[in-house]
């Protein structure tokens, strides 16, 4: 699949981003960046963005009228996106299945989103055209010699998903590297690909990473059916892993989701590059960091939320105390990754 675009995708996105930023149609928040490591030495990129921290809510005036409790229609940013943020309708402008839209609140330049033209649920399993158009965007980017593009998908209440309208997101890897202190970091997907295939699942896993994940290489110029076959096999493997985890941990509050309306029975993150697809099941959207004595860090943003960027090997915090603790304590990063994903446990030895 090829997109019908007026110019190469990276140039189109970058020009649109610059213009939207100048018009203040998007808000770019700068971050401090450093590289931290788990207790097993796996490098992660940590971003600190205090500008996105929650502000204390002001109390309403005593004479304020009562709040209107009437239900309001949720705002859908992809239903009729701002022209300043709309990059293209794809694959064909005359009959698009998806749209490319800039993220309105990026912390990495040229953060791009691909959303279904029709309003489809984020919790449903991805369809072939979702994967085909996403993979096509990755190819369009790399053909322009602008470095790799990383795509990710958040699905389910524990995945870090924030919008119910189905969409996947893209981050240019070179823009993720921009910063004085990113030496020693590589895309986590690339690290995973260097690991062996599991004897039990047939997929690739790096058990030094503290959460379960399953990866597959993608053949060059993969077709839509090939991508969908890989995706469904990875998803099925992740579901089975979660089932076994729940069965072996009777005290857990984790449960399978309803599969009504073709929804996924698990929360998960999916990552896609031109070389690989990875799925990681999730059990929490975020967790509080803990000091060495077990006490939690408390604050307006007391939870560190993780989404599919964790499969790129990157995460973000908004509080100074979180930034300081994660930089000084590898244990804190390992605990966070285990708490939000599904830990390997004893199963790692059989993979």
C-alpha atoms as a PDB file:
ATOM      1  CA  UNK A   1       0.000   0.000   0.000  1.00  0.00           C
ATOM      2  CA  UNK A   2       1.179   3.526  -0.830  1.00  0.00           C
ATOM      3  CA  UNK A   3      -0.371   6.816   0.269  1.00  0.00           C
ATOM      4  CA  UNK A   4      -1.357   9.525  -2.195  1.00  0.00           C
ATOM      5  CA  UNK A   5       0.493  12.486  -0.654  1.00  0.00           C
ATOM      6  CA  UNK A   6       1.517  15.864  -2.032  1.00  0.00           C
ATOM      7  CA  UNK A   7       5.042  15.478  -0.644  1.00  0.00           C
ATOM      8  CA  UNK A   8       7.041  12.935   1.393  1.00  0.00           C
ATOM      9  CA  UNK A   9       5.357  12.145   4.707  1.00  0.00           C
ATOM     10  CA  UNK A  10       8.156  13.447   7.005  1.00  0.00           C
ATOM     11  CA  UNK A  11       8.252  16.805   5.192  1.00  0.00           C
ATOM     12  CA  UNK A  12       4.470  17.061   5.281  1.00  0.00           C
ATOM     13  CA  UNK A  13       4.305  16.303   9.009  1.00  0.00           C
ATOM     14  CA  UNK A  14       7.189  18.584   9.954  1.00  0.00           C
ATOM     15  CA  UNK A  15       5.806  21.553   8.003  1.00  0.00           C
ATOM     16  CA  UNK A  16       2.371  21.022   9.503  1.00  0.00           C
ATOM     17  CA  UNK A  17       3.859  20.749  13.004  1.00  0.00           C
ATOM     18  CA  UNK A  18       5.829  23.985  12.628  1.00  0.00           C
ATOM     19  CA  UNK A  19       2.804  25.888  11.330  1.00  0.00           C
ATOM     20  CA  UNK A  20       0.491  24.505  14.033  1.00  0.00           C
ATOM     21  CA  UNK A  21       2.970  25.402  16.769  1.00  0.00           C
ATOM     22  CA  UNK A  22       3.298  28.958  15.434  1.00  0.00           C
ATOM     23  CA  UNK A  23      -0.503  29.322  15.430  1.00  0.00           C
ATOM     24  CA  UNK A  24      -0.675  27.755  18.917  1.00  0.00           C
ATOM     25  CA  UNK A  25      -2.982  25.074  17.539  1.00  0.00           C
ATOM     26  CA  UNK A  26      -0.814  22.583  19.389  1.00  0.00           C
ATOM     27  CA  UNK A  27       1.088  22.912  22.650  1.00  0.00           C
ATOM     28  CA  UNK A  28       4.609  21.501  22.653  1.00  0.00           C
ATOM     29  CA  UNK A  29       5.999  20.822  26.132  1.00  0.00           C
ATOM     30  CA  UNK A  30       9.756  20.536  26.471  1.00  0.00           C
ATOM     31  CA  UNK A  31      11.160  17.768  28.655  1.00  0.00           C
ATOM     32  CA  UNK A  32      14.364  16.944  30.463  1.00  0.00           C
ATOM     33  CA  UNK A  33      15.684  13.559  29.356  1.00  0.00           C
ATOM     34  CA  UNK A  34      18.063  11.013  30.819  1.00  0.00           C
ATOM     35  CA  UNK A  35      18.734   7.288  30.536  1.00  0.00           C
ATOM     36  CA  UNK A  36      18.005   5.043  33.514  1.00  0.00           C
ATOM     37  CA  UNK A  37      18.289   1.270  33.901  1.00  0.00           C
ATOM     38  CA  UNK A  38      16.388  -1.589  35.469  1.00  0.00           C
ATOM     39  CA  UNK A  39      18.064  -3.812  38.049  1.00  0.00           C
ATOM     40  CA  UNK A  40      18.983  -6.154  35.172  1.00  0.00           C
ATOM     41  CA  UNK A  41      20.583  -3.289  33.227  1.00  0.00           C
ATOM     42  CA  UNK A  42      17.908  -2.662  30.572  1.00  0.00           C
ATOM     43  CA  UNK A  43      18.103   1.022  29.517  1.00  0.00           C
ATOM     44  CA  UNK A  44      14.983   3.195  29.486  1.00  0.00           C
ATOM     45  CA  UNK A  45      14.642   6.811  28.481  1.00  0.00           C
ATOM     46  CA  UNK A  46      13.099   8.908  31.278  1.00  0.00           C
ATOM     47  CA  UNK A  47      11.425  12.233  30.497  1.00  0.00           C
ATOM     48  CA  UNK A  48      10.513  14.875  33.061  1.00  0.00           C
ATOM     49  CA  UNK A  49       7.749  17.317  32.136  1.00  0.00           C
ATOM     50  CA  UNK A  50       6.507  19.407  35.091  1.00  0.00           C
ATOM     51  CA  UNK A  51       4.425  21.543  32.700  1.00  0.00           C
ATOM     52  CA  UNK A  52       1.969  18.649  32.389  1.00  0.00           C
ATOM     53  CA  UNK A  53       1.557  18.139  36.139  1.00  0.00           C
ATOM     54  CA  UNK A  54      -1.939  18.410  37.557  1.00  0.00           C
ATOM     55  CA  UNK A  55      -2.811  21.752  39.073  1.00  0.00           C
ATOM     56  CA  UNK A  56      -4.815  21.869  42.339  1.00  0.00           C
ATOM     57  CA  UNK A  57      -8.501  22.324  41.536  1.00  0.00           C
ATOM     58  CA  UNK A  58      -9.926  25.658  42.671  1.00  0.00           C
ATOM     59  CA  UNK A  59     -13.049  25.563  44.839  1.00  0.00           C
ATOM     60  CA  UNK A  60     -16.135  27.080  43.155  1.00  0.00           C
ATOM     61  CA  UNK A  61     -17.357  30.421  44.551  1.00  0.00           C
ATOM     62  CA  UNK A  62     -19.990  30.148  47.258  1.00  0.00           C
ATOM     63  CA  UNK A  63     -22.538  31.916  45.054  1.00  0.00           C
ATOM     64  CA  UNK A  64     -21.795  29.826  41.949  1.00  0.00           C
ATOM     65  CA  UNK A  65     -24.836  28.219  40.285  1.00  0.00           C
ATOM     66  CA  UNK A  66     -25.180  24.443  40.722  1.00  0.00           C
ATOM     67  CA  UNK A  67     -23.353  22.304  38.205  1.00  0.00           C
ATOM     68  CA  UNK A  68     -25.315  21.018  35.249  1.00  0.00           C
ATOM     69  CA  UNK A  69     -25.465  17.246  35.720  1.00  0.00           C
ATOM     70  CA  UNK A  70     -27.020  16.603  32.320  1.00  0.00           C
ATOM     71  CA  UNK A  71     -24.948  14.106  30.341  1.00  0.00           C
ATOM     72  CA  UNK A  72     -22.753  15.734  27.734  1.00  0.00           C
ATOM     73  CA  UNK A  73     -21.576  14.197  24.496  1.00  0.00           C
ATOM     74  CA  UNK A  74     -17.908  13.278  24.795  1.00  0.00           C
ATOM     75  CA  UNK A  75     -15.524  15.302  22.683  1.00  0.00           C
ATOM     76  CA  UNK A  76     -13.995  13.269  19.871  1.00  0.00           C
ATOM     77  CA  UNK A  77     -10.779  14.920  18.585  1.00  0.00           C
ATOM     78  CA  UNK A  78     -10.832  12.716  15.478  1.00  0.00           C
ATOM     79  CA  UNK A  79     -14.436  13.304  14.393  1.00  0.00           C
ATOM     80  CA  UNK A  80     -13.735  16.695  12.817  1.00  0.00           C
ATOM     81  CA  UNK A  81     -10.080  17.520  13.569  1.00  0.00           C
ATOM     82  CA  UNK A  82      -8.761  21.063  13.424  1.00  0.00           C
ATOM     83  CA  UNK A  83      -7.466  21.803   9.912  1.00  0.00           C
ATOM     84  CA  UNK A  84      -4.223  22.994  11.504  1.00  0.00           C
ATOM     85  CA  UNK A  85      -3.671  19.475  12.891  1.00  0.00           C
ATOM     86  CA  UNK A  86      -5.009  17.387  10.001  1.00  0.00           C
ATOM     87  CA  UNK A  87      -2.095  16.092   7.917  1.00  0.00           C
ATOM     88  CA  UNK A  88      -3.795  13.834   5.363  1.00  0.00           C
ATOM     89  CA  UNK A  89      -6.619  11.429   4.617  1.00  0.00           C
ATOM     90  CA  UNK A  90      -5.228   7.999   3.706  1.00  0.00           C
ATOM     91  CA  UNK A  91      -4.647   5.874   1.783  1.00  0.00           C
ATOM     92  CA  UNK A  92      -6.633   7.817  -0.821  1.00  0.00           C
ATOM     93  CA  UNK A  93      -8.037  11.312  -0.150  1.00  0.00           C
ATOM     94  CA  UNK A  94     -11.214  10.531  -2.117  1.00  0.00           C
ATOM     95  CA  UNK A  95     -12.035   7.367  -0.165  1.00  0.00           C
ATOM     96  CA  UNK A  96     -10.045   7.337   3.080  1.00  0.00           C
ATOM     97  CA  UNK A  97     -10.257   4.665   5.750  1.00  0.00           C
ATOM     98  CA  UNK A  98      -8.037   6.655   8.128  1.00  0.00           C
ATOM     99  CA  UNK A  99      -6.768  10.155   8.837  1.00  0.00           C
ATOM    100  CA  UNK A 100      -3.340  11.360   9.935  1.00  0.00           C
ATOM    101  CA  UNK A 101      -3.522  14.001  12.676  1.00  0.00           C
ATOM    102  CA  UNK A 102      -0.910  15.743  14.810  1.00  0.00           C
ATOM    103  CA  UNK A 103      -0.998  15.165  18.558  1.00  0.00           C
ATOM    104  CA  UNK A 104      -2.312  18.378  20.135  1.00  0.00           C
ATOM    105  CA  UNK A 105      -0.136  18.083  23.267  1.00  0.00           C
ATOM    106  CA  UNK A 106       3.184  16.563  22.174  1.00  0.00           C
ATOM    107  CA  UNK A 107       6.372  16.230  24.194  1.00  0.00           C
ATOM    108  CA  UNK A 108       8.248  14.869  21.147  1.00  0.00           C
ATOM    109  CA  UNK A 109       8.306  16.775  17.881  1.00  0.00           C
ATOM    110  CA  UNK A 110       6.208  15.404  14.980  1.00  0.00           C
ATOM    111  CA  UNK A 111       4.132  13.123  17.234  1.00  0.00           C
ATOM    112  CA  UNK A 112       1.577  11.797  14.743  1.00  0.00           C
ATOM    113  CA  UNK A 113      -1.699   9.881  15.106  1.00  0.00           C
ATOM    114  CA  UNK A 114      -3.552   7.644  12.649  1.00  0.00           C
ATOM    115  CA  UNK A 115      -7.268   7.344  13.448  1.00  0.00           C
ATOM    116  CA  UNK A 116     -10.105   5.506  11.778  1.00  0.00           C
ATOM    117  CA  UNK A 117     -12.269   7.750   9.618  1.00  0.00           C
ATOM    118  CA  UNK A 118     -15.354   6.184  11.193  1.00  0.00           C
ATOM    119  CA  UNK A 119     -15.689   6.138  14.973  1.00  0.00           C
ATOM    120  CA  UNK A 120     -14.618   2.614  15.935  1.00  0.00           C
ATOM    121  CA  UNK A 121     -13.877   1.477  19.511  1.00  0.00           C
ATOM    122  CA  UNK A 122     -10.311   1.513  20.799  1.00  0.00           C
ATOM    123  CA  UNK A 123     -11.097  -1.651  22.773  1.00  0.00           C
ATOM    124  CA  UNK A 124     -11.926  -3.715  19.684  1.00  0.00           C
ATOM    125  CA  UNK A 125      -9.312  -5.909  18.094  1.00  0.00           C
ATOM    126  CA  UNK A 126      -7.481  -4.145  15.298  1.00  0.00           C
ATOM    127  CA  UNK A 127      -8.672  -4.833  11.774  1.00  0.00           C
ATOM    128  CA  UNK A 128      -6.521  -5.599   8.779  1.00  0.00           C
ATOM    129  CA  UNK A 129      -6.801  -2.090   7.329  1.00  0.00           C
ATOM    130  CA  UNK A 130      -5.661  -0.568  10.657  1.00  0.00           C
ATOM    131  CA  UNK A 131      -2.455  -2.563  10.477  1.00  0.00           C
ATOM    132  CA  UNK A 132      -2.024  -2.122   6.737  1.00  0.00           C
ATOM    133  CA  UNK A 133      -2.280   1.684   6.836  1.00  0.00           C
ATOM    134  CA  UNK A 134      -0.076   1.925   9.925  1.00  0.00           C
ATOM    135  CA  UNK A 135       2.596  -0.216   8.286  1.00  0.00           C
ATOM    136  CA  UNK A 136       2.278   1.862   5.111  1.00  0.00           C
ATOM    137  CA  UNK A 137       2.959   5.028   7.123  1.00  0.00           C
ATOM    138  CA  UNK A 138       6.108   3.441   8.559  1.00  0.00           C
ATOM    139  CA  UNK A 139       7.250   2.638   5.039  1.00  0.00           C
ATOM    140  CA  UNK A 140       6.464   6.132   3.726  1.00  0.00           C
ATOM    141  CA  UNK A 141       8.599   7.614   6.511  1.00  0.00           C
ATOM    142  CA  UNK A 142      11.594   5.354   5.981  1.00  0.00           C
ATOM    143  CA  UNK A 143      11.523   5.719   2.188  1.00  0.00           C
ATOM    144  CA  UNK A 144      12.127   9.438   2.743  1.00  0.00           C
ATOM    145  CA  UNK A 145      15.422   8.545   4.509  1.00  0.00           C
ATOM    146  CA  UNK A 146      14.327  10.239   7.736  1.00  0.00           C
ATOM    147  CA  UNK A 147      15.165   7.378  10.077  1.00  0.00           C
ATOM    148  CA  UNK A 148      12.777   4.879  11.629  1.00  0.00           C
ATOM    149  CA  UNK A 149       9.269   5.599  12.875  1.00  0.00           C
ATOM    150  CA  UNK A 150       7.848   3.844  15.955  1.00  0.00           C
ATOM    151  CA  UNK A 151       4.116   3.043  16.067  1.00  0.00           C
ATOM    152  CA  UNK A 152       2.164   2.047  19.170  1.00  0.00           C
ATOM    153  CA  UNK A 153      -1.386   1.164  20.193  1.00  0.00           C
ATOM    154  CA  UNK A 154      -3.052   1.308  23.616  1.00  0.00           C
ATOM    155  CA  UNK A 155      -6.125  -0.871  24.173  1.00  0.00           C
ATOM    156  CA  UNK A 156      -8.122  -1.480  27.344  1.00  0.00           C
ATOM    157  CA  UNK A 157      -8.551   0.224  30.683  1.00  0.00           C
ATOM    158  CA  UNK A 158      -5.084  -0.761  31.951  1.00  0.00           C
ATOM    159  CA  UNK A 159      -3.158   0.217  28.810  1.00  0.00           C
ATOM    160  CA  UNK A 160      -2.806   3.986  29.147  1.00  0.00           C
ATOM    161  CA  UNK A 161      -5.457   4.601  26.469  1.00  0.00           C
ATOM    162  CA  UNK A 162      -6.991   8.083  26.687  1.00  0.00           C
ATOM    163  CA  UNK A 163      -9.357   8.277  23.692  1.00  0.00           C
ATOM    164  CA  UNK A 164     -12.132   5.767  22.881  1.00  0.00           C
ATOM    165  CA  UNK A 165     -12.009   6.473  19.107  1.00  0.00           C
ATOM    166  CA  UNK A 166      -9.637   3.919  17.594  1.00  0.00           C
ATOM    167  CA  UNK A 167      -6.204   5.289  16.814  1.00  0.00           C
ATOM    168  CA  UNK A 168      -2.545   4.355  16.753  1.00  0.00           C
ATOM    169  CA  UNK A 169       0.336   6.762  17.308  1.00  0.00           C
ATOM    170  CA  UNK A 170       3.749   7.412  15.769  1.00  0.00           C
ATOM    171  CA  UNK A 171       6.984   8.847  17.159  1.00  0.00           C
ATOM    172  CA  UNK A 172      10.071   9.538  15.000  1.00  0.00           C
ATOM    173  CA  UNK A 173      12.918   7.665  16.672  1.00  0.00           C
ATOM    174  CA  UNK A 174      15.477  10.351  15.778  1.00  0.00           C
ATOM    175  CA  UNK A 175      13.322  12.941  17.573  1.00  0.00           C
ATOM    176  CA  UNK A 176      13.151  10.671  20.607  1.00  0.00           C
ATOM    177  CA  UNK A 177      16.953  10.667  20.655  1.00  0.00           C
ATOM    178  CA  UNK A 178      17.210  14.455  20.569  1.00  0.00           C
ATOM    179  CA  UNK A 179      18.690  15.540  23.867  1.00  0.00           C
ATOM    180  CA  UNK A 180      22.091  15.749  25.457  1.00  0.00           C
ATOM    181  CA  UNK A 181      21.676  12.709  27.709  1.00  0.00           C
ATOM    182  CA  UNK A 182      20.315   9.844  25.588  1.00  0.00           C
ATOM    183  CA  UNK A 183      23.551   7.911  25.011  1.00  0.00           C
ATOM    184  CA  UNK A 184      23.181   4.216  25.772  1.00  0.00           C
ATOM    185  CA  UNK A 185      19.494   4.114  24.823  1.00  0.00           C
ATOM    186  CA  UNK A 186      18.095   2.172  21.901  1.00  0.00           C
ATOM    187  CA  UNK A 187      14.549   1.356  20.903  1.00  0.00           C
ATOM    188  CA  UNK A 188      13.363  -1.449  23.194  1.00  0.00           C
ATOM    189  CA  UNK A 189      11.793  -3.275  20.243  1.00  0.00           C
ATOM    190  CA  UNK A 190      15.244  -3.538  18.651  1.00  0.00           C
ATOM    191  CA  UNK A 191      16.674  -4.997  21.860  1.00  0.00           C
ATOM    192  CA  UNK A 192      13.863  -7.565  22.010  1.00  0.00           C
ATOM    193  CA  UNK A 193      14.604  -8.697  18.447  1.00  0.00           C
ATOM    194  CA  UNK A 194      18.115  -9.736  19.509  1.00  0.00           C
ATOM    195  CA  UNK A 195      16.635 -12.320  21.905  1.00  0.00           C
ATOM    196  CA  UNK A 196      15.905 -15.968  21.024  1.00  0.00           C
ATOM    197  CA  UNK A 197      12.535 -17.429  20.128  1.00  0.00           C
ATOM    198  CA  UNK A 198      10.628 -19.000  23.007  1.00  0.00           C
ATOM    199  CA  UNK A 199      10.377 -22.786  22.894  1.00  0.00           C
ATOM    200  CA  UNK A 200       6.817 -22.686  24.254  1.00  0.00           C
ATOM    201  CA  UNK A 201       5.294 -19.772  22.304  1.00  0.00           C
ATOM    202  CA  UNK A 202       7.401 -19.608  19.144  1.00  0.00           C
ATOM    203  CA  UNK A 203       7.714 -15.841  19.604  1.00  0.00           C
ATOM    204  CA  UNK A 204      10.632 -13.660  20.674  1.00  0.00           C
ATOM    205  CA  UNK A 205      10.898 -12.488  24.288  1.00  0.00           C
ATOM    206  CA  UNK A 206      13.648 -10.837  26.336  1.00  0.00           C
ATOM    207  CA  UNK A 207      13.095 -12.042  29.904  1.00  0.00           C
ATOM    208  CA  UNK A 208      15.565  -9.484  31.288  1.00  0.00           C
ATOM    209  CA  UNK A 209      12.771  -6.950  30.643  1.00  0.00           C
ATOM    210  CA  UNK A 210      10.542  -7.087  33.753  1.00  0.00           C
ATOM    211  CA  UNK A 211       7.176  -7.522  32.011  1.00  0.00           C
ATOM    212  CA  UNK A 212       5.803 -10.179  29.691  1.00  0.00           C
ATOM    213  CA  UNK A 213       5.861  -9.405  25.983  1.00  0.00           C
ATOM    214  CA  UNK A 214       5.783 -11.367  22.753  1.00  0.00           C
ATOM    215  CA  UNK A 215       7.407 -10.289  19.493  1.00  0.00           C
ATOM    216  CA  UNK A 216       7.567 -11.433  15.903  1.00  0.00           C
ATOM    217  CA  UNK A 217       9.695 -10.323  13.007  1.00  0.00           C
ATOM    218  CA  UNK A 218       7.795  -8.896  10.049  1.00  0.00           C
ATOM    219  CA  UNK A 219       8.747  -9.970   6.524  1.00  0.00           C
ATOM    220  CA  UNK A 220       9.858  -7.203   4.146  1.00  0.00           C
ATOM    221  CA  UNK A 221       6.953  -5.516   2.351  1.00  0.00           C
ATOM    222  CA  UNK A 222       4.452  -7.404   4.498  1.00  0.00           C
ATOM    223  CA  UNK A 223       0.889  -7.589   3.198  1.00  0.00           C
ATOM    224  CA  UNK A 224      -2.227  -6.710   5.169  1.00  0.00           C
ATOM    225  CA  UNK A 225      -3.161 -10.389   5.670  1.00  0.00           C
ATOM    226  CA  UNK A 226       0.379 -11.194   6.857  1.00  0.00           C
ATOM    227  CA  UNK A 227       0.302  -8.360   9.393  1.00  0.00           C
ATOM    228  CA  UNK A 228      -3.129  -9.381  10.665  1.00  0.00           C
ATOM    229  CA  UNK A 229      -2.066 -13.021  11.047  1.00  0.00           C
ATOM    230  CA  UNK A 230       0.959 -11.994  13.121  1.00  0.00           C
ATOM    231  CA  UNK A 231      -1.154  -9.628  15.233  1.00  0.00           C
ATOM    232  CA  UNK A 232      -3.866 -12.179  16.030  1.00  0.00           C
ATOM    233  CA  UNK A 233      -1.278 -14.828  16.933  1.00  0.00           C
ATOM    234  CA  UNK A 234       0.587 -12.446  19.262  1.00  0.00           C
ATOM    235  CA  UNK A 235      -2.670 -11.296  20.847  1.00  0.00           C
ATOM    236  CA  UNK A 236      -3.821 -14.891  21.426  1.00  0.00           C
ATOM    237  CA  UNK A 237      -0.492 -15.713  23.076  1.00  0.00           C
ATOM    238  CA  UNK A 238      -0.801 -12.673  25.353  1.00  0.00           C
ATOM    239  CA  UNK A 239      -4.378 -13.632  26.300  1.00  0.00           C
ATOM    240  CA  UNK A 240      -3.283 -17.150  27.207  1.00  0.00           C
ATOM    241  CA  UNK A 241      -0.423 -15.776  29.321  1.00  0.00           C
ATOM    242  CA  UNK A 242      -2.868 -13.540  31.222  1.00  0.00           C
ATOM    243  CA  UNK A 243      -5.261 -16.469  31.749  1.00  0.00           C
ATOM    244  CA  UNK A 244      -2.466 -18.516  33.298  1.00  0.00           C
ATOM    245  CA  UNK A 245      -1.375 -15.574  35.442  1.00  0.00           C
ATOM    246  CA  UNK A 246      -4.911 -15.094  36.810  1.00  0.00           C
ATOM    247  CA  UNK A 247      -5.297 -18.830  37.471  1.00  0.00           C
ATOM    248  CA  UNK A 248      -1.994 -18.998  39.361  1.00  0.00           C
ATOM    249  CA  UNK A 249      -2.696 -15.827  41.380  1.00  0.00           C
ATOM    250  CA  UNK A 250      -6.146 -16.325  42.952  1.00  0.00           C
ATOM    251  CA  UNK A 251      -5.768 -13.175  45.071  1.00  0.00           C
ATOM    252  CA  UNK A 252      -5.315 -10.882  42.064  1.00  0.00           C
ATOM    253  CA  UNK A 253      -7.999  -8.348  41.187  1.00  0.00           C
ATOM    254  CA  UNK A 254      -7.116  -8.712  37.501  1.00  0.00           C
ATOM    255  CA  UNK A 255      -9.871 -10.242  35.374  1.00  0.00           C
ATOM    256  CA  UNK A 256     -10.467 -10.784  31.687  1.00  0.00           C
ATOM    257  CA  UNK A 257     -12.539  -8.101  29.966  1.00  0.00           C
ATOM    258  CA  UNK A 258     -15.855  -8.755  28.270  1.00  0.00           C
ATOM    259  CA  UNK A 259     -15.422  -9.683  24.622  1.00  0.00           C
ATOM    260  CA  UNK A 260     -18.785  -8.212  23.594  1.00  0.00           C
ATOM    261  CA  UNK A 261     -18.657  -6.183  20.369  1.00  0.00           C
ATOM    262  CA  UNK A 262     -15.373  -7.840  19.335  1.00  0.00           C
ATOM    263  CA  UNK A 263     -13.489  -6.280  22.261  1.00  0.00           C
ATOM    264  CA  UNK A 264     -10.149  -7.615  23.454  1.00  0.00           C
ATOM    265  CA  UNK A 265     -10.331  -9.741  26.599  1.00  0.00           C
ATOM    266  CA  UNK A 266      -7.142  -8.102  27.900  1.00  0.00           C
ATOM    267  CA  UNK A 267      -5.601  -4.667  28.155  1.00  0.00           C
ATOM    268  CA  UNK A 268      -2.401  -4.486  26.139  1.00  0.00           C
ATOM    269  CA  UNK A 269       0.073  -2.338  24.286  1.00  0.00           C
ATOM    270  CA  UNK A 270       1.194  -3.112  20.753  1.00  0.00           C
ATOM    271  CA  UNK A 271       4.287  -1.748  19.034  1.00  0.00           C
ATOM    272  CA  UNK A 272       5.006  -1.855  15.332  1.00  0.00           C
ATOM    273  CA  UNK A 273       8.079  -1.032  13.264  1.00  0.00           C
ATOM    274  CA  UNK A 274       8.967  -2.071   9.725  1.00  0.00           C
ATOM    275  CA  UNK A 275      10.868  -4.994  11.252  1.00  0.00           C
ATOM    276  CA  UNK A 276       8.778  -6.212  14.180  1.00  0.00           C
ATOM    277  CA  UNK A 277       5.487  -6.341  16.038  1.00  0.00           C
ATOM    278  CA  UNK A 278       5.345  -6.673  19.838  1.00  0.00           C
ATOM    279  CA  UNK A 279       2.400  -7.112  22.217  1.00  0.00           C
ATOM    280  CA  UNK A 280       2.653  -6.659  25.990  1.00  0.00           C
ATOM    281  CA  UNK A 281      -0.364  -7.415  28.226  1.00  0.00           C
ATOM    282  CA  UNK A 282      -1.090  -4.940  31.022  1.00  0.00           C
ATOM    283  CA  UNK A 283      -2.673  -5.163  34.482  1.00  0.00           C
ATOM    284  CA  UNK A 284      -2.487  -1.512  35.585  1.00  0.00           C
ATOM    285  CA  UNK A 285      -2.437   1.804  33.749  1.00  0.00           C
ATOM    286  CA  UNK A 286       0.006   3.225  36.283  1.00  0.00           C
ATOM    287  CA  UNK A 287       1.390   2.797  39.767  1.00  0.00           C
ATOM    288  CA  UNK A 288       2.873   4.854  42.570  1.00  0.00           C
ATOM    289  CA  UNK A 289       6.625   4.837  43.031  1.00  0.00           C
ATOM    290  CA  UNK A 290       7.888   3.539  46.352  1.00  0.00           C
ATOM    291  CA  UNK A 291      10.874   4.491  48.443  1.00  0.00           C
ATOM    292  CA  UNK A 292      13.248   1.799  49.637  1.00  0.00           C
ATOM    293  CA  UNK A 293      11.271   1.513  52.901  1.00  0.00           C
ATOM    294  CA  UNK A 294       8.076   0.765  50.951  1.00  0.00           C
ATOM    295  CA  UNK A 295       6.425   4.151  51.490  1.00  0.00           C
ATOM    296  CA  UNK A 296       4.696   5.664  48.458  1.00  0.00           C
ATOM    297  CA  UNK A 297       5.598   8.964  46.868  1.00  0.00           C
ATOM    298  CA  UNK A 298       2.508  11.132  47.220  1.00  0.00           C
ATOM    299  CA  UNK A 299       1.581  14.191  45.172  1.00  0.00           C
ATOM    300  CA  UNK A 300      -0.958  15.581  42.689  1.00  0.00           C
ATOM    301  CA  UNK A 301       0.423  13.141  40.100  1.00  0.00           C
ATOM    302  CA  UNK A 302       1.214  10.304  42.486  1.00  0.00           C
ATOM    303  CA  UNK A 303       0.806   7.622  39.807  1.00  0.00           C
ATOM    304  CA  UNK A 304       3.316   7.184  37.005  1.00  0.00           C
ATOM    305  CA  UNK A 305       1.176   6.293  33.981  1.00  0.00           C
ATOM    306  CA  UNK A 306       2.591   4.113  31.219  1.00  0.00           C
ATOM    307  CA  UNK A 307       1.310   3.514  27.693  1.00  0.00           C
ATOM    308  CA  UNK A 308       2.644   1.904  24.528  1.00  0.00           C
ATOM    309  CA  UNK A 309       5.773   4.057  24.567  1.00  0.00           C
ATOM    310  CA  UNK A 310       7.046   1.631  27.208  1.00  0.00           C
ATOM    311  CA  UNK A 311       7.739  -0.729  24.279  1.00  0.00           C
ATOM    312  CA  UNK A 312       9.997   1.953  22.845  1.00  0.00           C
ATOM    313  CA  UNK A 313      11.818   1.927  26.176  1.00  0.00           C
ATOM    314  CA  UNK A 314      10.643   5.339  27.336  1.00  0.00           C
ATOM    315  CA  UNK A 315       8.447   6.776  30.081  1.00  0.00           C
ATOM    316  CA  UNK A 316       7.578  10.193  31.491  1.00  0.00           C
ATOM    317  CA  UNK A 317       7.055  11.684  34.951  1.00  0.00           C
ATOM    318  CA  UNK A 318       5.661  15.047  36.000  1.00  0.00           C
ATOM    319  CA  UNK A 319       6.854  15.369  39.606  1.00  0.00           C
ATOM    320  CA  UNK A 320      10.375  16.255  40.789  1.00  0.00           C
ATOM    321  CA  UNK A 321      10.318  13.511  43.440  1.00  0.00           C
ATOM    322  CA  UNK A 322       9.512  10.881  40.803  1.00  0.00           C
ATOM    323  CA  UNK A 323      12.288  12.161  38.550  1.00  0.00           C
ATOM    324  CA  UNK A 324      14.800  12.028  41.401  1.00  0.00           C
ATOM    325  CA  UNK A 325      13.802   8.567  42.642  1.00  0.00           C
ATOM    326  CA  UNK A 326      13.847   6.881  39.235  1.00  0.00           C
ATOM    327  CA  UNK A 327      17.259   8.366  38.434  1.00  0.00           C
ATOM    328  CA  UNK A 328      18.746   7.119  41.696  1.00  0.00           C
ATOM    329  CA  UNK A 329      17.008   3.750  42.193  1.00  0.00           C
ATOM    330  CA  UNK A 330      17.014   1.042  39.477  1.00  0.00           C
ATOM    331  CA  UNK A 331      14.722  -0.937  41.802  1.00  0.00           C
ATOM    332  CA  UNK A 332      12.021   1.736  41.437  1.00  0.00           C
ATOM    333  CA  UNK A 333      11.947   1.336  37.644  1.00  0.00           C
ATOM    334  CA  UNK A 334      11.873  -2.462  37.830  1.00  0.00           C
ATOM    335  CA  UNK A 335       9.048  -2.399  40.399  1.00  0.00           C
ATOM    336  CA  UNK A 336       7.023   0.018  38.247  1.00  0.00           C
ATOM    337  CA  UNK A 337       7.386  -2.098  35.099  1.00  0.00           C
ATOM    338  CA  UNK A 338       6.452  -5.291  36.961  1.00  0.00           C
ATOM    339  CA  UNK A 339       3.444  -3.653  38.635  1.00  0.00           C
ATOM    340  CA  UNK A 340       1.944  -2.269  35.424  1.00  0.00           C
ATOM    341  CA  UNK A 341       2.711  -5.221  33.150  1.00  0.00           C
ATOM    342  CA  UNK A 342       2.365  -8.935  33.782  1.00  0.00           C
ATOM    343  CA  UNK A 343       5.529 -10.189  35.509  1.00  0.00           C
ATOM    344  CA  UNK A 344       7.293 -13.192  34.071  1.00  0.00           C
ATOM    345  CA  UNK A 345       7.375 -15.033  37.379  1.00  0.00           C
ATOM    346  CA  UNK A 346       8.340 -18.688  37.241  1.00  0.00           C
ATOM    347  CA  UNK A 347       7.263 -18.909  33.591  1.00  0.00           C
ATOM    348  CA  UNK A 348      10.428 -17.181  32.406  1.00  0.00           C
ATOM    349  CA  UNK A 349      12.423 -20.385  32.826  1.00  0.00           C
ATOM    350  CA  UNK A 350      10.147 -22.234  30.384  1.00  0.00           C
ATOM    351  CA  UNK A 351      10.256 -19.630  27.609  1.00  0.00           C
END
